[in-house]
Amino acid sequence: MERATAALLGRVVAATAPVGLALVVWAIWTYEGDNEPRAKLAWSAVIALLAALMATTALLLTRRSALVKLAAAAGAFATLAAAVSIAGLWAGDSDSSVLKALVALWILAATSYFLVPILGRFSSAARTTAPELRILAELDGVQLVATHANGALDVRLRPGERLALRRSC
């Protein structure tokens, strides 16, 4: 997923979240019973906001490009689970096969959502065990390298200064 697409998704969620909150507050303020359309509308807004937050935060939690597909899958599962939940809420259907599919979709959404930071953590831990070295120069088998490893020499150069290798005579 491109950065622009993720940014657009974030803007859409940020713009629609106050509308969802307003629907929830309106339904709570004018509450009369469980089966009225206002309550269903409020629960629909809550479910949609939950799916939107799962989709956007999964993308925010990705640190590697390889995990973007998993984050997108988490958003897709959450969106599909929310759509089925909202349809079931408005239809009032309590068919056991629909409920089983609904639970399976929410489990897939939650699992893929939580796997994004977990796999990101494991992959970054594997990367830090072998620090990356970049050879800058070599003289008679002695290498000057750039690294992110702890314990390396941290040289602060003044403006205009450069490092140079030279042979001692």
Protein backbone atom coordinates (compact mmCIF):
# COMPACT_ATOMS: atom_id res chain seq x y z
CA MET A 1 0.00 0.00 0.00
CA GLU A 2 1.37 3.36 -0.95
CA ARG A 3 2.02 6.06 1.61
CA ALA A 4 -0.49 8.36 -0.12
CA THR A 5 -3.22 5.72 0.12
CA ALA A 6 -2.54 5.18 3.83
CA ALA A 7 -2.57 8.95 4.41
CA LEU A 8 -5.88 9.25 2.56
CA LEU A 9 -7.36 6.43 4.64
CA GLY A 10 -6.20 8.17 7.81
CA ARG A 11 -7.76 11.47 6.74
CA VAL A 12 -11.07 9.79 5.91
CA VAL A 13 -11.18 8.05 9.29
CA ALA A 14 -10.23 11.26 11.11
CA ALA A 15 -12.96 13.16 9.25
CA THR A 16 -15.69 10.58 9.84
CA ALA A 17 -14.87 9.80 13.48
CA PRO A 18 -16.59 12.95 14.85
CA VAL A 19 -19.71 12.02 12.86
CA GLY A 20 -19.72 8.56 14.46
CA LEU A 21 -19.20 10.08 17.89
CA ALA A 22 -22.07 12.51 17.29
CA LEU A 23 -24.35 9.60 16.33
CA VAL A 24 -23.43 7.71 19.48
CA VAL A 25 -23.96 10.76 21.73
CA TRP A 26 -27.29 11.54 20.03
CA ALA A 27 -28.52 7.96 20.49
CA ILE A 28 -27.45 7.89 24.14
CA TRP A 29 -29.02 11.27 24.86
CA THR A 30 -32.36 10.32 23.31
CA TYR A 31 -32.37 6.64 24.38
CA GLU A 32 -35.81 5.01 24.70
CA GLY A 33 -35.28 1.29 24.07
CA ASP A 34 -32.92 -1.35 22.68
CA ASN A 35 -34.75 -2.04 19.45
CA GLU A 36 -35.18 1.48 18.18
CA PRO A 37 -33.37 2.65 15.04
CA ARG A 38 -31.34 5.23 16.96
CA ALA A 39 -29.72 2.53 19.09
CA LYS A 40 -28.99 0.44 16.00
CA LEU A 41 -27.50 3.48 14.30
CA ALA A 42 -25.28 4.17 17.32
CA TRP A 43 -24.07 0.56 17.46
CA SER A 44 -23.44 0.67 13.72
CA ALA A 45 -21.28 3.77 14.21
CA VAL A 46 -19.34 2.11 17.04
CA ILE A 47 -18.67 -1.01 14.95
CA ALA A 48 -17.65 1.05 11.92
CA LEU A 49 -15.31 3.18 14.03
CA LEU A 50 -13.75 0.06 15.54
CA ALA A 51 -13.06 -1.37 12.08
CA ALA A 52 -11.68 1.95 10.85
CA LEU A 53 -9.37 2.26 13.84
CA MET A 54 -8.14 -1.30 13.35
CA ALA A 55 -7.42 -0.62 9.68
CA THR A 56 -5.56 2.65 10.23
CA THR A 57 -3.59 1.71 13.34
CA ALA A 58 -2.49 -1.57 11.75
CA LEU A 59 -0.91 0.50 8.98
CA LEU A 60 0.65 2.84 11.52
CA LEU A 61 2.20 -0.08 13.39
CA THR A 62 4.01 -1.43 10.33
CA ARG A 63 7.72 -0.72 10.32
CA ARG A 64 8.66 -2.94 7.40
CA SER A 65 7.23 -2.97 3.91
CA ALA A 66 6.81 -6.75 4.10
CA LEU A 67 4.18 -6.33 6.83
CA VAL A 68 2.04 -3.83 4.92
CA LYS A 69 0.10 -6.69 3.29
CA LEU A 70 -0.66 -8.16 6.72
CA ALA A 71 -1.82 -4.74 7.95
CA ALA A 72 -4.01 -4.39 4.86
CA ALA A 73 -5.44 -7.85 5.54
CA ALA A 74 -6.23 -6.81 9.11
CA GLY A 75 -8.09 -3.79 7.78
CA ALA A 76 -9.92 -5.89 5.19
CA PHE A 77 -10.97 -8.50 7.76
CA ALA A 78 -12.10 -5.77 10.16
CA THR A 79 -14.09 -4.03 7.42
CA LEU A 80 -15.73 -7.28 6.33
CA ALA A 81 -16.51 -8.25 9.94
CA ALA A 82 -17.98 -4.80 10.58
CA ALA A 83 -20.14 -4.99 7.45
CA VAL A 84 -21.51 -8.41 8.45
CA SER A 85 -22.03 -7.20 12.04
CA ILE A 86 -23.94 -4.12 10.94
CA ALA A 87 -26.04 -6.12 8.46
CA GLY A 88 -26.90 -8.63 11.18
CA LEU A 89 -27.70 -5.85 13.63
CA TRP A 90 -30.19 -4.22 11.27
CA ALA A 91 -31.68 -7.51 10.06
CA GLY A 92 -32.10 -8.83 13.57
CA ASP A 93 -30.96 -12.22 12.33
CA SER A 94 -29.52 -14.64 14.88
CA ASP A 95 -28.79 -17.56 12.57
CA SER A 96 -26.02 -19.69 14.08
CA SER A 97 -24.09 -20.01 10.81
CA VAL A 98 -24.00 -16.23 10.38
CA LEU A 99 -22.87 -15.81 13.98
CA LYS A 100 -20.11 -18.40 13.50
CA ALA A 101 -18.91 -16.63 10.36
CA LEU A 102 -19.03 -13.31 12.19
CA VAL A 103 -16.96 -14.62 15.08
CA ALA A 104 -14.45 -16.16 12.64
CA LEU A 105 -14.10 -12.84 10.81
CA TRP A 106 -13.50 -10.88 14.02
CA ILE A 107 -10.95 -13.50 15.14
CA LEU A 108 -9.12 -13.21 11.81
CA ALA A 109 -9.19 -9.42 12.07
CA ALA A 110 -7.86 -9.39 15.63
CA THR A 111 -5.20 -12.02 14.91
CA SER A 112 -3.84 -10.27 11.86
CA TYR A 113 -4.02 -6.91 13.68
CA PHE A 114 -1.97 -8.16 16.64
CA LEU A 115 0.48 -10.04 14.41
CA VAL A 116 1.59 -6.79 12.74
CA PRO A 117 3.51 -5.37 15.74
CA ILE A 118 4.57 -8.82 16.98
CA LEU A 119 6.16 -9.81 13.67
CA GLY A 120 7.62 -6.33 13.33
CA ARG A 121 9.26 -6.72 16.72
CA PHE A 122 10.68 -10.16 15.89
CA SER A 123 12.00 -9.03 12.53
CA SER A 124 13.67 -5.94 14.03
CA ALA A 125 15.20 -8.08 16.80
CA ALA A 126 16.69 -10.39 14.17
CA ARG A 127 18.16 -7.41 12.34
CA THR A 128 19.88 -5.99 15.41
CA THR A 129 21.74 -9.21 16.20
CA ALA A 130 23.99 -8.74 13.16
CA PRO A 131 24.86 -5.05 12.84
CA GLU A 132 25.18 -3.75 9.33
CA LEU A 133 28.67 -2.66 8.34
CA ARG A 134 29.61 -0.38 5.49
CA ILE A 135 33.25 -0.32 4.46
CA LEU A 136 34.35 3.26 3.86
CA ALA A 137 38.04 2.69 3.16
CA GLU A 138 40.78 0.06 3.43
CA LEU A 139 44.55 0.35 3.80
CA ASP A 140 46.80 -2.71 4.10
CA GLY A 141 44.00 -4.90 5.43
CA VAL A 142 42.75 -2.28 7.95
CA GLN A 143 39.17 -1.25 7.23
CA LEU A 144 37.38 1.94 8.18
CA VAL A 145 33.71 0.98 8.56
CA ALA A 146 30.44 2.73 9.37
CA THR A 147 28.16 0.82 11.77
CA HIS A 148 25.22 1.18 14.14
CA ALA A 149 26.73 -1.24 16.66
CA ASN A 150 27.18 -0.24 20.29
CA GLY A 151 30.75 0.41 21.39
CA ALA A 152 31.81 1.87 18.07
CA LEU A 153 33.91 5.00 17.94
CA ASP A 154 31.75 8.12 17.67
CA VAL A 155 33.75 10.78 15.87
CA ARG A 156 32.42 14.35 15.80
CA LEU A 157 34.04 16.34 13.03
CA ARG A 158 34.13 20.11 12.87
CA PRO A 159 32.78 21.83 9.76
CA GLY A 160 35.17 21.33 6.85
CA GLU A 161 37.09 18.44 8.44
CA ARG A 162 37.33 14.98 6.86
CA LEU A 163 38.64 11.62 7.94
CA ALA A 164 41.76 10.41 6.13
CA LEU A 165 43.69 7.15 6.25
CA ARG A 166 47.45 7.40 6.10
CA ARG A 167 50.38 5.12 6.60
CA SER A 168 52.57 5.82 9.60
CA CYS A 169 56.26 5.85 8.73
